[in-house]
Amino acid sequence: VIIRHLSEEPILLYRFLSGVIVGADDGGLLGRLTAVDKQLFIEMMCEFESVKVCAFLKDKAGSGFYDGEETLKLCQEYKIADACAYLLEVAGEMEEALELMLRKLENDVVEVKTRLRMGEDVGELVELKGVLGAALDLCERKEQKKGEEDEGDGSG
């Protein structure tokens, strides 16, 4: 009932759901949320606080809180590269996840260069470092997984 009433005010609905899902829910409301409500929350997070999406998904990993395929579609729609890469990696698509992060890194580098040439602020350098770090971490996990597979088949 509350969700229906707040649907006319998306930011208020998002704050309410965030309080229930992320905050300390002592009233048992979390257990009353449907899969549709949870997916709606993730979509609203993509819209209102996209930088928090990846960390949230990692926090809820393995809990059954979200549908991986549907959430990947949302993250792709909102162009949230780190969350997309994470979901692709979880789905076993390491190569695609790495390609996505490298494309994001390349695009960010081009944007920073353009801003530098124009004498603009390059506050994105912090984000650029984050993307680079995430890409390197993904490379390390990919190599580690490859090494484990090689050991498992006796060729390592």
C-alpha atoms as a PDB file:
ATOM      1  CA  VAL A   1       0.000   0.000   0.000  1.00  0.00           C
ATOM      2  CA  ILE A   2       2.786   2.434   0.925  1.00  0.00           C
ATOM      3  CA  ILE A   3       4.642   1.716  -2.310  1.00  0.00           C
ATOM      4  CA  ARG A   4       1.491   2.409  -4.343  1.00  0.00           C
ATOM      5  CA  HIS A   5       0.951   5.729  -2.547  1.00  0.00           C
ATOM      6  CA  LEU A   6       4.562   6.805  -3.013  1.00  0.00           C
ATOM      7  CA  SER A   7       4.704   5.802  -6.680  1.00  0.00           C
ATOM      8  CA  GLU A   8       3.720   9.358  -7.650  1.00  0.00           C
ATOM      9  CA  GLU A   9       6.850  10.662  -5.881  1.00  0.00           C
ATOM     10  CA  PRO A  10       9.743   8.509  -7.177  1.00  0.00           C
ATOM     11  CA  ILE A  11      12.457  10.076  -5.026  1.00  0.00           C
ATOM     12  CA  LEU A  12      10.374   9.590  -1.867  1.00  0.00           C
ATOM     13  CA  LEU A  13       9.653   6.007  -2.874  1.00  0.00           C
ATOM     14  CA  TYR A  14      13.349   5.422  -3.456  1.00  0.00           C
ATOM     15  CA  ARG A  15      14.219   6.863  -0.046  1.00  0.00           C
ATOM     16  CA  PHE A  16      11.564   4.712   1.615  1.00  0.00           C
ATOM     17  CA  LEU A  17      12.761   1.542  -0.110  1.00  0.00           C
ATOM     18  CA  SER A  18      16.367   2.433   0.631  1.00  0.00           C
ATOM     19  CA  GLY A  19      15.502   2.780   4.304  1.00  0.00           C
ATOM     20  CA  VAL A  20      13.823  -0.624   4.313  1.00  0.00           C
ATOM     21  CA  ILE A  21      16.415  -2.447   2.194  1.00  0.00           C
ATOM     22  CA  VAL A  22      19.705  -0.772   3.086  1.00  0.00           C
ATOM     23  CA  GLY A  23      18.850   0.613   6.502  1.00  0.00           C
ATOM     24  CA  ALA A  24      18.163  -1.354   9.620  1.00  0.00           C
ATOM     25  CA  ASP A  25      14.701  -2.804   9.075  1.00  0.00           C
ATOM     26  CA  ASP A  26      13.337  -3.699  12.487  1.00  0.00           C
ATOM     27  CA  GLY A  27       9.701  -3.677  11.431  1.00  0.00           C
ATOM     28  CA  GLY A  28       9.746  -6.742   9.207  1.00  0.00           C
ATOM     29  CA  LEU A  29       9.023  -4.691   6.093  1.00  0.00           C
ATOM     30  CA  LEU A  30      11.891  -6.213   4.116  1.00  0.00           C
ATOM     31  CA  GLY A  31      10.216  -9.609   4.223  1.00  0.00           C
ATOM     32  CA  ARG A  32       7.047  -8.106   2.760  1.00  0.00           C
ATOM     33  CA  LEU A  33       8.736  -6.703  -0.337  1.00  0.00           C
ATOM     34  CA  THR A  34       8.055  -8.588  -3.550  1.00  0.00           C
ATOM     35  CA  ALA A  35      10.628  -9.384  -6.227  1.00  0.00           C
ATOM     36  CA  VAL A  36       9.037  -6.587  -8.276  1.00  0.00           C
ATOM     37  CA  ASP A  37       9.545  -4.119  -5.393  1.00  0.00           C
ATOM     38  CA  LYS A  38      13.188  -5.139  -5.070  1.00  0.00           C
ATOM     39  CA  GLN A  39      13.805  -4.815  -8.799  1.00  0.00           C
ATOM     40  CA  LEU A  40      12.088  -1.408  -8.725  1.00  0.00           C
ATOM     41  CA  PHE A  41      14.478  -0.356  -5.965  1.00  0.00           C
ATOM     42  CA  ILE A  42      17.493  -1.412  -8.035  1.00  0.00           C
ATOM     43  CA  GLU A  43      16.153   0.495 -11.030  1.00  0.00           C
ATOM     44  CA  MET A  44      15.649   3.590  -8.887  1.00  0.00           C
ATOM     45  CA  MET A  45      19.161   3.234  -7.492  1.00  0.00           C
ATOM     46  CA  CYS A  46      20.433   3.089 -11.088  1.00  0.00           C
ATOM     47  CA  GLU A  47      18.594   6.331 -11.765  1.00  0.00           C
ATOM     48  CA  PHE A  48      19.229   8.261  -8.541  1.00  0.00           C
ATOM     49  CA  GLU A  49      22.515   6.898  -7.138  1.00  0.00           C
ATOM     50  CA  SER A  50      24.256   4.972  -9.905  1.00  0.00           C
ATOM     51  CA  VAL A  51      27.640   5.087  -8.165  1.00  0.00           C
ATOM     52  CA  LYS A  52      26.236   2.895  -5.375  1.00  0.00           C
ATOM     53  CA  VAL A  53      24.820   0.135  -7.577  1.00  0.00           C
ATOM     54  CA  CYS A  54      27.884  -2.095  -7.919  1.00  0.00           C
ATOM     55  CA  ALA A  55      28.663  -2.087  -4.194  1.00  0.00           C
ATOM     56  CA  PHE A  56      25.005  -2.846  -3.420  1.00  0.00           C
ATOM     57  CA  LEU A  57      24.958  -5.787  -5.836  1.00  0.00           C
ATOM     58  CA  LYS A  58      28.162  -7.170  -4.349  1.00  0.00           C
ATOM     59  CA  ASP A  59      26.696  -6.811  -0.863  1.00  0.00           C
ATOM     60  CA  LYS A  60      23.590  -8.763  -1.882  1.00  0.00           C
ATOM     61  CA  ALA A  61      25.503 -11.410  -3.866  1.00  0.00           C
ATOM     62  CA  GLY A  62      24.198 -14.913  -3.331  1.00  0.00           C
ATOM     63  CA  SER A  63      21.217 -13.726  -1.293  1.00  0.00           C
ATOM     64  CA  GLY A  64      18.671 -14.142  -4.068  1.00  0.00           C
ATOM     65  CA  PHE A  65      17.732 -10.491  -3.621  1.00  0.00           C
ATOM     66  CA  TYR A  66      17.915  -9.698  -7.328  1.00  0.00           C
ATOM     67  CA  ASP A  67      17.658 -11.446 -10.672  1.00  0.00           C
ATOM     68  CA  GLY A  68      21.074 -11.261 -12.343  1.00  0.00           C
ATOM     69  CA  GLU A  69      19.820 -11.100 -15.920  1.00  0.00           C
ATOM     70  CA  GLU A  70      17.180  -8.445 -15.243  1.00  0.00           C
ATOM     71  CA  THR A  71      19.605  -6.405 -13.185  1.00  0.00           C
ATOM     72  CA  LEU A  72      22.238  -6.634 -15.926  1.00  0.00           C
ATOM     73  CA  LYS A  73      19.693  -5.267 -18.417  1.00  0.00           C
ATOM     74  CA  LEU A  74      18.974  -2.337 -16.079  1.00  0.00           C
ATOM     75  CA  CYS A  75      22.657  -1.607 -15.567  1.00  0.00           C
ATOM     76  CA  GLN A  76      23.229  -1.727 -19.321  1.00  0.00           C
ATOM     77  CA  GLU A  77      20.273   0.594 -19.905  1.00  0.00           C
ATOM     78  CA  TYR A  78      21.654   3.108 -17.380  1.00  0.00           C
ATOM     79  CA  LYS A  79      25.233   2.560 -18.611  1.00  0.00           C
ATOM     80  CA  ILE A  80      26.665   1.589 -15.223  1.00  0.00           C
ATOM     81  CA  ALA A  81      29.870  -0.082 -16.400  1.00  0.00           C
ATOM     82  CA  ASP A  82      31.224  -1.366 -13.086  1.00  0.00           C
ATOM     83  CA  ALA A  83      27.919  -3.020 -12.150  1.00  0.00           C
ATOM     84  CA  CYS A  84      27.602  -4.531 -15.650  1.00  0.00           C
ATOM     85  CA  ALA A  85      31.143  -5.888 -15.459  1.00  0.00           C
ATOM     86  CA  TYR A  86      30.477  -7.354 -12.017  1.00  0.00           C
ATOM     87  CA  LEU A  87      27.277  -9.075 -13.168  1.00  0.00           C
ATOM     88  CA  LEU A  88      28.973 -10.377 -16.306  1.00  0.00           C
ATOM     89  CA  GLU A  89      31.830 -11.751 -14.215  1.00  0.00           C
ATOM     90  CA  VAL A  90      29.389 -13.486 -11.849  1.00  0.00           C
ATOM     91  CA  ALA A  91      27.659 -14.990 -14.898  1.00  0.00           C
ATOM     92  CA  GLY A  92      31.014 -16.401 -16.041  1.00  0.00           C
ATOM     93  CA  GLU A  93      31.488 -13.898 -18.839  1.00  0.00           C
ATOM     94  CA  MET A  94      34.943 -12.731 -17.721  1.00  0.00           C
ATOM     95  CA  GLU A  95      36.101 -11.822 -21.226  1.00  0.00           C
ATOM     96  CA  GLU A  96      33.054  -9.646 -21.885  1.00  0.00           C
ATOM     97  CA  ALA A  97      33.380  -8.014 -18.450  1.00  0.00           C
ATOM     98  CA  LEU A  98      37.024  -7.150 -19.119  1.00  0.00           C
ATOM     99  CA  GLU A  99      36.236  -5.785 -22.590  1.00  0.00           C
ATOM    100  CA  LEU A 100      33.527  -3.583 -21.091  1.00  0.00           C
ATOM    101  CA  MET A 101      35.880  -2.172 -18.450  1.00  0.00           C
ATOM    102  CA  LEU A 102      38.603  -1.534 -21.019  1.00  0.00           C
ATOM    103  CA  ARG A 103      36.148   0.306 -23.308  1.00  0.00           C
ATOM    104  CA  LYS A 104      35.008   2.395 -20.334  1.00  0.00           C
ATOM    105  CA  LEU A 105      38.623   3.155 -19.461  1.00  0.00           C
ATOM    106  CA  GLU A 106      39.406   4.143 -23.051  1.00  0.00           C
ATOM    107  CA  ASN A 107      36.362   6.438 -23.224  1.00  0.00           C
ATOM    108  CA  ASP A 108      37.251   8.040 -19.894  1.00  0.00           C
ATOM    109  CA  VAL A 109      40.848   8.665 -21.004  1.00  0.00           C
ATOM    110  CA  VAL A 110      39.615  10.351 -24.193  1.00  0.00           C
ATOM    111  CA  GLU A 111      37.253  12.544 -22.164  1.00  0.00           C
ATOM    112  CA  VAL A 112      39.973  13.546 -19.696  1.00  0.00           C
ATOM    113  CA  LYS A 113      42.361  14.410 -22.559  1.00  0.00           C
ATOM    114  CA  THR A 114      39.672  16.535 -24.195  1.00  0.00           C
ATOM    115  CA  ARG A 115      38.989  18.395 -20.959  1.00  0.00           C
ATOM    116  CA  LEU A 116      42.680  18.977 -20.350  1.00  0.00           C
ATOM    117  CA  ARG A 117      43.077  20.445 -23.855  1.00  0.00           C
ATOM    118  CA  MET A 118      40.126  22.761 -23.212  1.00  0.00           C
ATOM    119  CA  GLY A 119      41.526  23.829 -19.830  1.00  0.00           C
ATOM    120  CA  GLU A 120      38.548  22.364 -17.959  1.00  0.00           C
ATOM    121  CA  ASP A 121      38.441  20.680 -14.570  1.00  0.00           C
ATOM    122  CA  VAL A 122      39.378  17.005 -14.702  1.00  0.00           C
ATOM    123  CA  GLY A 123      37.603  15.755 -11.614  1.00  0.00           C
ATOM    124  CA  GLU A 124      37.052  12.490 -13.486  1.00  0.00           C
ATOM    125  CA  LEU A 125      40.645  11.496 -12.731  1.00  0.00           C
ATOM    126  CA  VAL A 126      39.444   9.938  -9.493  1.00  0.00           C
ATOM    127  CA  GLU A 127      36.830   7.945 -11.401  1.00  0.00           C
ATOM    128  CA  LEU A 128      39.438   7.057 -14.015  1.00  0.00           C
ATOM    129  CA  LYS A 129      41.670   5.604 -11.303  1.00  0.00           C
ATOM    130  CA  GLY A 130      38.712   3.571 -10.042  1.00  0.00           C
ATOM    131  CA  VAL A 131      37.972   2.184 -13.506  1.00  0.00           C
ATOM    132  CA  LEU A 132      41.631   1.333 -14.045  1.00  0.00           C
ATOM    133  CA  GLY A 133      41.800  -0.370 -10.655  1.00  0.00           C
ATOM    134  CA  ALA A 134      38.635  -2.360 -11.373  1.00  0.00           C
ATOM    135  CA  ALA A 135      39.983  -3.433 -14.763  1.00  0.00           C
ATOM    136  CA  LEU A 136      43.282  -4.553 -13.216  1.00  0.00           C
ATOM    137  CA  ASP A 137      41.452  -6.457 -10.469  1.00  0.00           C
ATOM    138  CA  LEU A 138      39.348  -8.187 -13.093  1.00  0.00           C
ATOM    139  CA  CYS A 139      42.504  -9.164 -15.021  1.00  0.00           C
ATOM    140  CA  GLU A 140      43.985 -10.647 -11.858  1.00  0.00           C
ATOM    141  CA  ARG A 141      40.826 -12.640 -11.098  1.00  0.00           C
ATOM    142  CA  LYS A 142      40.703 -13.869 -14.700  1.00  0.00           C
ATOM    143  CA  GLU A 143      44.313 -15.060 -14.525  1.00  0.00           C
ATOM    144  CA  GLN A 144      43.724 -16.658 -11.135  1.00  0.00           C
ATOM    145  CA  LYS A 145      40.675 -18.508 -12.458  1.00  0.00           C
ATOM    146  CA  LYS A 146      42.605 -19.612 -15.559  1.00  0.00           C
ATOM    147  CA  GLY A 147      45.410 -20.914 -13.333  1.00  0.00           C
ATOM    148  CA  GLU A 148      42.938 -22.859 -11.199  1.00  0.00           C
ATOM    149  CA  GLU A 149      41.362 -24.372 -14.319  1.00  0.00           C
ATOM    150  CA  ASP A 150      44.790 -25.335 -15.678  1.00  0.00           C
ATOM    151  CA  GLU A 151      45.665 -27.045 -12.378  1.00  0.00           C
ATOM    152  CA  GLY A 152      42.323 -28.819 -12.379  1.00  0.00           C
ATOM    153  CA  ASP A 153      42.848 -30.388 -15.808  1.00  0.00           C
ATOM    154  CA  GLY A 154      46.443 -31.393 -15.120  1.00  0.00           C
ATOM    155  CA  SER A 155      47.982 -29.073 -17.713  1.00  0.00           C
ATOM    156  CA  GLY A 156      49.427 -26.605 -15.162  1.00  0.00           C
END
